[in-house]
Amino acid sequence: MMLYLGSVSKVKYEAINEVINEYLKEVSKIFGEPKVIPYNVESGVDITPVNEETYIGAKNRAYNLYKLIKDENSAYLGLESGLAQRFGSIFEETVCVILFKGMEYVGYSSGIKVPDYIVKRLENGEKHYEVLNEIARRRGLNPKDTWGIYTNLILSRKIELKEAFRNALLTLISEFL
């Protein structure tokens, strides 16, 4: 069974495979021997989506994959990270949309609070990715490891990706078992 991933990001690919291996017994009952195939598809949202745009980006990735592949027996995965305003603060979280057998399964990660010093720069008009690129360059970090930057490498972005996919996957699995 093919699980098409709407991204060629190495960390997304690794996250998906790690979760599949963690739940292999359950996954195998539905998907047989799963194989993850990454594809580069557009999310159709800003580089740093906010609130509902994060879900829209994940959904667009999954549906764009489906339009490209059109295999009714495969699953199509869209993962999108973005910012969410909650409780008077800004958090980063990831949304996962899985399309399978005509149904949409959605999960999202926990959110990690974006540090105030970054939020202040965003409020001053700087772009999120530009701020992270500058911080990463100065600290010698990967600018795409947002959670690593926010937590001084205590957590990594892979954690949020795994959480979002796991939550969507377990919703799907619970329906078919």
C-alpha atoms as a PDB file:
ATOM      1  CA  MET A   1       0.000   0.000   0.000  1.00  0.00           C
ATOM      2  CA  MET A   2       1.287   3.408  -0.955  1.00  0.00           C
ATOM      3  CA  LEU A   3       1.125   6.371   1.383  1.00  0.00           C
ATOM      4  CA  TYR A   4       1.925   9.457  -0.647  1.00  0.00           C
ATOM      5  CA  LEU A   5       3.458  12.331   1.300  1.00  0.00           C
ATOM      6  CA  GLY A   6       2.856  15.827  -0.062  1.00  0.00           C
ATOM      7  CA  SER A   7       6.394  17.017   0.606  1.00  0.00           C
ATOM      8  CA  VAL A   8       9.972  16.042  -0.153  1.00  0.00           C
ATOM      9  CA  SER A   9      11.118  17.280   3.257  1.00  0.00           C
ATOM     10  CA  LYS A  10      13.512  14.765   4.810  1.00  0.00           C
ATOM     11  CA  VAL A  11      12.273  15.470   8.345  1.00  0.00           C
ATOM     12  CA  LYS A  12       8.629  14.956   7.307  1.00  0.00           C
ATOM     13  CA  TYR A  13       9.529  11.684   5.569  1.00  0.00           C
ATOM     14  CA  GLU A  14      11.423  10.475   8.646  1.00  0.00           C
ATOM     15  CA  ALA A  15       8.601  11.506  10.991  1.00  0.00           C
ATOM     16  CA  ILE A  16       5.993   9.611   8.964  1.00  0.00           C
ATOM     17  CA  ASN A  17       8.116   6.453   8.835  1.00  0.00           C
ATOM     18  CA  GLU A  18       8.872   6.579  12.566  1.00  0.00           C
ATOM     19  CA  VAL A  19       5.165   6.768  13.427  1.00  0.00           C
ATOM     20  CA  ILE A  20       4.322   3.980  10.978  1.00  0.00           C
ATOM     21  CA  ASN A  21       6.973   1.778  12.594  1.00  0.00           C
ATOM     22  CA  GLU A  22       5.627   2.610  16.057  1.00  0.00           C
ATOM     23  CA  TYR A  23       2.120   1.495  15.064  1.00  0.00           C
ATOM     24  CA  LEU A  24       3.136  -1.071  12.428  1.00  0.00           C
ATOM     25  CA  LYS A  25       0.851  -3.824  13.727  1.00  0.00           C
ATOM     26  CA  GLU A  26      -2.243  -1.625  13.442  1.00  0.00           C
ATOM     27  CA  VAL A  27      -1.104   0.089  10.227  1.00  0.00           C
ATOM     28  CA  SER A  28      -0.437  -3.265   8.533  1.00  0.00           C
ATOM     29  CA  LYS A  29      -4.012  -4.421   9.157  1.00  0.00           C
ATOM     30  CA  ILE A  30      -5.268  -1.565   6.984  1.00  0.00           C
ATOM     31  CA  PHE A  31      -2.431  -0.757   4.611  1.00  0.00           C
ATOM     32  CA  GLY A  32      -0.642  -4.094   4.341  1.00  0.00           C
ATOM     33  CA  GLU A  33       3.033  -3.339   3.908  1.00  0.00           C
ATOM     34  CA  PRO A  34       3.067   0.474   3.800  1.00  0.00           C
ATOM     35  CA  LYS A  35       5.516   2.383   1.630  1.00  0.00           C
ATOM     36  CA  VAL A  36       5.868   6.160   1.961  1.00  0.00           C
ATOM     37  CA  ILE A  37       6.473   8.010  -1.318  1.00  0.00           C
ATOM     38  CA  PRO A  38       7.321  11.727  -1.086  1.00  0.00           C
ATOM     39  CA  TYR A  39       6.083  14.140  -3.765  1.00  0.00           C
ATOM     40  CA  ASN A  40       6.629  17.846  -4.113  1.00  0.00           C
ATOM     41  CA  VAL A  41       3.194  19.507  -4.195  1.00  0.00           C
ATOM     42  CA  GLU A  42       2.082  23.027  -3.371  1.00  0.00           C
ATOM     43  CA  SER A  43       0.264  23.945  -0.184  1.00  0.00           C
ATOM     44  CA  GLY A  44      -1.272  27.066  -1.693  1.00  0.00           C
ATOM     45  CA  VAL A  45      -0.714  29.049   1.504  1.00  0.00           C
ATOM     46  CA  ASP A  46       1.873  31.533   2.726  1.00  0.00           C
ATOM     47  CA  ILE A  47       5.309  30.239   3.746  1.00  0.00           C
ATOM     48  CA  THR A  48       4.190  30.805   7.351  1.00  0.00           C
ATOM     49  CA  PRO A  49       0.475  30.062   7.483  1.00  0.00           C
ATOM     50  CA  VAL A  50      -1.575  31.411  10.375  1.00  0.00           C
ATOM     51  CA  ASN A  51      -4.570  29.828  12.118  1.00  0.00           C
ATOM     52  CA  GLU A  52      -6.974  28.200   9.600  1.00  0.00           C
ATOM     53  CA  GLU A  53      -4.420  28.578   6.786  1.00  0.00           C
ATOM     54  CA  THR A  54      -2.359  25.781   8.357  1.00  0.00           C
ATOM     55  CA  TYR A  55      -5.230  23.316   7.963  1.00  0.00           C
ATOM     56  CA  ILE A  56      -5.904  24.630   4.444  1.00  0.00           C
ATOM     57  CA  GLY A  57      -2.241  24.070   3.515  1.00  0.00           C
ATOM     58  CA  ALA A  58      -2.276  20.475   4.793  1.00  0.00           C
ATOM     59  CA  LYS A  59      -5.574  19.789   3.034  1.00  0.00           C
ATOM     60  CA  ASN A  60      -4.318  21.320  -0.227  1.00  0.00           C
ATOM     61  CA  ARG A  61      -1.195  19.144  -0.137  1.00  0.00           C
ATOM     62  CA  ALA A  62      -3.273  15.970   0.327  1.00  0.00           C
ATOM     63  CA  TYR A  63      -5.820  16.858  -2.366  1.00  0.00           C
ATOM     64  CA  ASN A  64      -3.141  18.039  -4.817  1.00  0.00           C
ATOM     65  CA  LEU A  65      -1.443  14.655  -4.399  1.00  0.00           C
ATOM     66  CA  TYR A  66      -4.706  12.838  -4.983  1.00  0.00           C
ATOM     67  CA  LYS A  67      -5.321  14.810  -8.195  1.00  0.00           C
ATOM     68  CA  LEU A  68      -1.811  13.904  -9.352  1.00  0.00           C
ATOM     69  CA  ILE A  69      -1.808  10.176  -8.472  1.00  0.00           C
ATOM     70  CA  LYS A  70      -5.522   9.219  -8.534  1.00  0.00           C
ATOM     71  CA  ASP A  71      -5.102   5.792  -6.926  1.00  0.00           C
ATOM     72  CA  GLU A  72      -8.226   5.035  -4.869  1.00  0.00           C
ATOM     73  CA  ASN A  73      -6.389   2.377  -2.841  1.00  0.00           C
ATOM     74  CA  SER A  74      -3.649   4.682  -1.583  1.00  0.00           C
ATOM     75  CA  ALA A  75      -3.518   7.268   1.183  1.00  0.00           C
ATOM     76  CA  TYR A  76      -2.522  10.894   0.627  1.00  0.00           C
ATOM     77  CA  LEU A  77      -0.841  12.845   3.413  1.00  0.00           C
ATOM     78  CA  GLY A  78      -0.579  16.592   3.801  1.00  0.00           C
ATOM     79  CA  LEU A  79       1.434  18.104   6.654  1.00  0.00           C
ATOM     80  CA  GLU A  80       1.637  21.839   7.262  1.00  0.00           C
ATOM     81  CA  SER A  81       3.207  23.765  10.139  1.00  0.00           C
ATOM     82  CA  GLY A  82       2.020  27.224  11.032  1.00  0.00           C
ATOM     83  CA  LEU A  83       1.286  29.757  13.715  1.00  0.00           C
ATOM     84  CA  ALA A  84      -1.880  29.824  15.804  1.00  0.00           C
ATOM     85  CA  GLN A  85      -3.161  32.572  18.060  1.00  0.00           C
ATOM     86  CA  ARG A  86      -4.430  31.059  21.294  1.00  0.00           C
ATOM     87  CA  PHE A  87      -4.950  32.358  24.808  1.00  0.00           C
ATOM     88  CA  GLY A  88      -3.360  35.714  24.006  1.00  0.00           C
ATOM     89  CA  SER A  89      -0.166  34.101  22.705  1.00  0.00           C
ATOM     90  CA  ILE A  90       1.223  32.729  19.447  1.00  0.00           C
ATOM     91  CA  PHE A  91       1.973  29.021  19.163  1.00  0.00           C
ATOM     92  CA  GLU A  92       3.409  26.880  16.407  1.00  0.00           C
ATOM     93  CA  GLU A  93       1.640  23.647  15.559  1.00  0.00           C
ATOM     94  CA  THR A  94       1.295  21.218  12.669  1.00  0.00           C
ATOM     95  CA  VAL A  95      -1.862  19.937  10.994  1.00  0.00           C
ATOM     96  CA  CYS A  96      -2.017  16.621   9.137  1.00  0.00           C
ATOM     97  CA  VAL A  97      -4.714  15.674   6.642  1.00  0.00           C
ATOM     98  CA  ILE A  98      -4.911  12.087   5.401  1.00  0.00           C
ATOM     99  CA  LEU A  99      -7.183  11.265   2.464  1.00  0.00           C
ATOM    100  CA  PHE A 100      -8.131   7.596   2.319  1.00  0.00           C
ATOM    101  CA  LYS A 101     -11.064   5.859   0.612  1.00  0.00           C
ATOM    102  CA  GLY A 102     -12.858   9.161   0.026  1.00  0.00           C
ATOM    103  CA  MET A 103     -12.612  10.267   3.656  1.00  0.00           C
ATOM    104  CA  GLU A 104     -10.550  13.003   5.283  1.00  0.00           C
ATOM    105  CA  TYR A 105      -8.795  12.310   8.593  1.00  0.00           C
ATOM    106  CA  VAL A 106      -7.337  15.284  10.435  1.00  0.00           C
ATOM    107  CA  GLY A 107      -4.942  15.521  13.348  1.00  0.00           C
ATOM    108  CA  TYR A 108      -2.848  18.262  14.814  1.00  0.00           C
ATOM    109  CA  SER A 109       0.102  18.511  17.130  1.00  0.00           C
ATOM    110  CA  SER A 110       0.456  20.141  20.467  1.00  0.00           C
ATOM    111  CA  GLY A 111       1.550  23.728  20.131  1.00  0.00           C
ATOM    112  CA  ILE A 112       4.697  25.302  21.441  1.00  0.00           C
ATOM    113  CA  LYS A 113       4.646  28.952  22.408  1.00  0.00           C
ATOM    114  CA  VAL A 114       6.683  31.160  20.130  1.00  0.00           C
ATOM    115  CA  PRO A 115       9.134  33.058  22.373  1.00  0.00           C
ATOM    116  CA  ASP A 116       8.220  36.667  23.103  1.00  0.00           C
ATOM    117  CA  TYR A 117      11.427  38.031  21.562  1.00  0.00           C
ATOM    118  CA  ILE A 118      10.405  36.462  18.231  1.00  0.00           C
ATOM    119  CA  VAL A 119       6.785  37.619  18.539  1.00  0.00           C
ATOM    120  CA  LYS A 120       7.990  41.210  19.089  1.00  0.00           C
ATOM    121  CA  ARG A 121       9.942  41.067  15.851  1.00  0.00           C
ATOM    122  CA  LEU A 122       6.895  39.706  14.024  1.00  0.00           C
ATOM    123  CA  GLU A 123       4.783  42.527  15.447  1.00  0.00           C
ATOM    124  CA  ASN A 124       7.387  44.960  14.083  1.00  0.00           C
ATOM    125  CA  GLY A 125       6.734  43.642  10.577  1.00  0.00           C
ATOM    126  CA  GLU A 126       9.502  41.079  10.138  1.00  0.00           C
ATOM    127  CA  LYS A 127       8.582  37.793   8.486  1.00  0.00           C
ATOM    128  CA  HIS A 128       8.676  34.656  10.633  1.00  0.00           C
ATOM    129  CA  TYR A 129      10.996  32.741   8.296  1.00  0.00           C
ATOM    130  CA  GLU A 130      13.386  35.717   8.058  1.00  0.00           C
ATOM    131  CA  VAL A 131      13.607  35.978  11.848  1.00  0.00           C
ATOM    132  CA  LEU A 132      14.254  32.231  12.161  1.00  0.00           C
ATOM    133  CA  ASN A 133      16.846  32.289   9.373  1.00  0.00           C
ATOM    134  CA  GLU A 134      18.741  35.062  11.159  1.00  0.00           C
ATOM    135  CA  ILE A 135      18.567  33.331  14.571  1.00  0.00           C
ATOM    136  CA  ALA A 136      19.602  29.990  13.064  1.00  0.00           C
ATOM    137  CA  ARG A 137      22.544  31.558  11.231  1.00  0.00           C
ATOM    138  CA  ARG A 138      23.744  33.244  14.414  1.00  0.00           C
ATOM    139  CA  ARG A 139      23.398  30.063  16.516  1.00  0.00           C
ATOM    140  CA  GLY A 140      24.512  27.577  13.856  1.00  0.00           C
ATOM    141  CA  LEU A 141      21.109  25.855  13.773  1.00  0.00           C
ATOM    142  CA  ASN A 142      18.802  24.564  11.060  1.00  0.00           C
ATOM    143  CA  PRO A 143      16.307  27.377  10.329  1.00  0.00           C
ATOM    144  CA  LYS A 144      13.585  24.820   9.558  1.00  0.00           C
ATOM    145  CA  ASP A 145      13.869  23.260  13.029  1.00  0.00           C
ATOM    146  CA  THR A 146      11.494  25.808  14.474  1.00  0.00           C
ATOM    147  CA  TRP A 147      10.804  23.959  17.714  1.00  0.00           C
ATOM    148  CA  GLY A 148      14.554  23.474  18.144  1.00  0.00           C
ATOM    149  CA  ILE A 149      15.055  27.225  17.836  1.00  0.00           C
ATOM    150  CA  TYR A 150      12.187  28.006  20.233  1.00  0.00           C
ATOM    151  CA  THR A 151      13.417  25.522  22.884  1.00  0.00           C
ATOM    152  CA  ASN A 152      17.204  25.722  22.440  1.00  0.00           C
ATOM    153  CA  LEU A 153      17.178  22.183  20.966  1.00  0.00           C
ATOM    154  CA  ILE A 154      15.304  20.578  23.869  1.00  0.00           C
ATOM    155  CA  LEU A 155      12.552  19.660  21.389  1.00  0.00           C
ATOM    156  CA  SER A 156      12.692  19.339  17.620  1.00  0.00           C
ATOM    157  CA  ARG A 157      10.237  20.052  14.832  1.00  0.00           C
ATOM    158  CA  LYS A 158      10.061  16.330  14.121  1.00  0.00           C
ATOM    159  CA  ILE A 159       8.070  15.937  17.352  1.00  0.00           C
ATOM    160  CA  GLU A 160       5.245  18.179  16.134  1.00  0.00           C
ATOM    161  CA  LEU A 161       5.190  16.441  12.748  1.00  0.00           C
ATOM    162  CA  LYS A 162       4.981  13.024  14.395  1.00  0.00           C
ATOM    163  CA  GLU A 163       2.217  14.146  16.758  1.00  0.00           C
ATOM    164  CA  ALA A 164       0.053  15.551  13.965  1.00  0.00           C
ATOM    165  CA  PHE A 165       0.471  12.472  11.751  1.00  0.00           C
ATOM    166  CA  ARG A 166      -0.029  10.069  14.656  1.00  0.00           C
ATOM    167  CA  ASN A 167      -3.262  11.790  15.670  1.00  0.00           C
ATOM    168  CA  ALA A 168      -4.672  11.715  12.129  1.00  0.00           C
ATOM    169  CA  LEU A 169      -3.482   8.132  11.573  1.00  0.00           C
ATOM    170  CA  LEU A 170      -5.009   6.812  14.794  1.00  0.00           C
ATOM    171  CA  THR A 171      -8.332   8.427  13.893  1.00  0.00           C
ATOM    172  CA  LEU A 172      -8.203   6.575  10.570  1.00  0.00           C
ATOM    173  CA  ILE A 173      -7.106   3.294  12.154  1.00  0.00           C
ATOM    174  CA  SER A 174      -9.840   3.394  14.794  1.00  0.00           C
ATOM    175  CA  GLU A 175     -12.460   3.563  12.039  1.00  0.00           C
ATOM    176  CA  PHE A 176     -11.142   0.535  10.169  1.00  0.00           C
ATOM    177  CA  LEU A 177     -10.206  -1.851  12.996  1.00  0.00           C
END
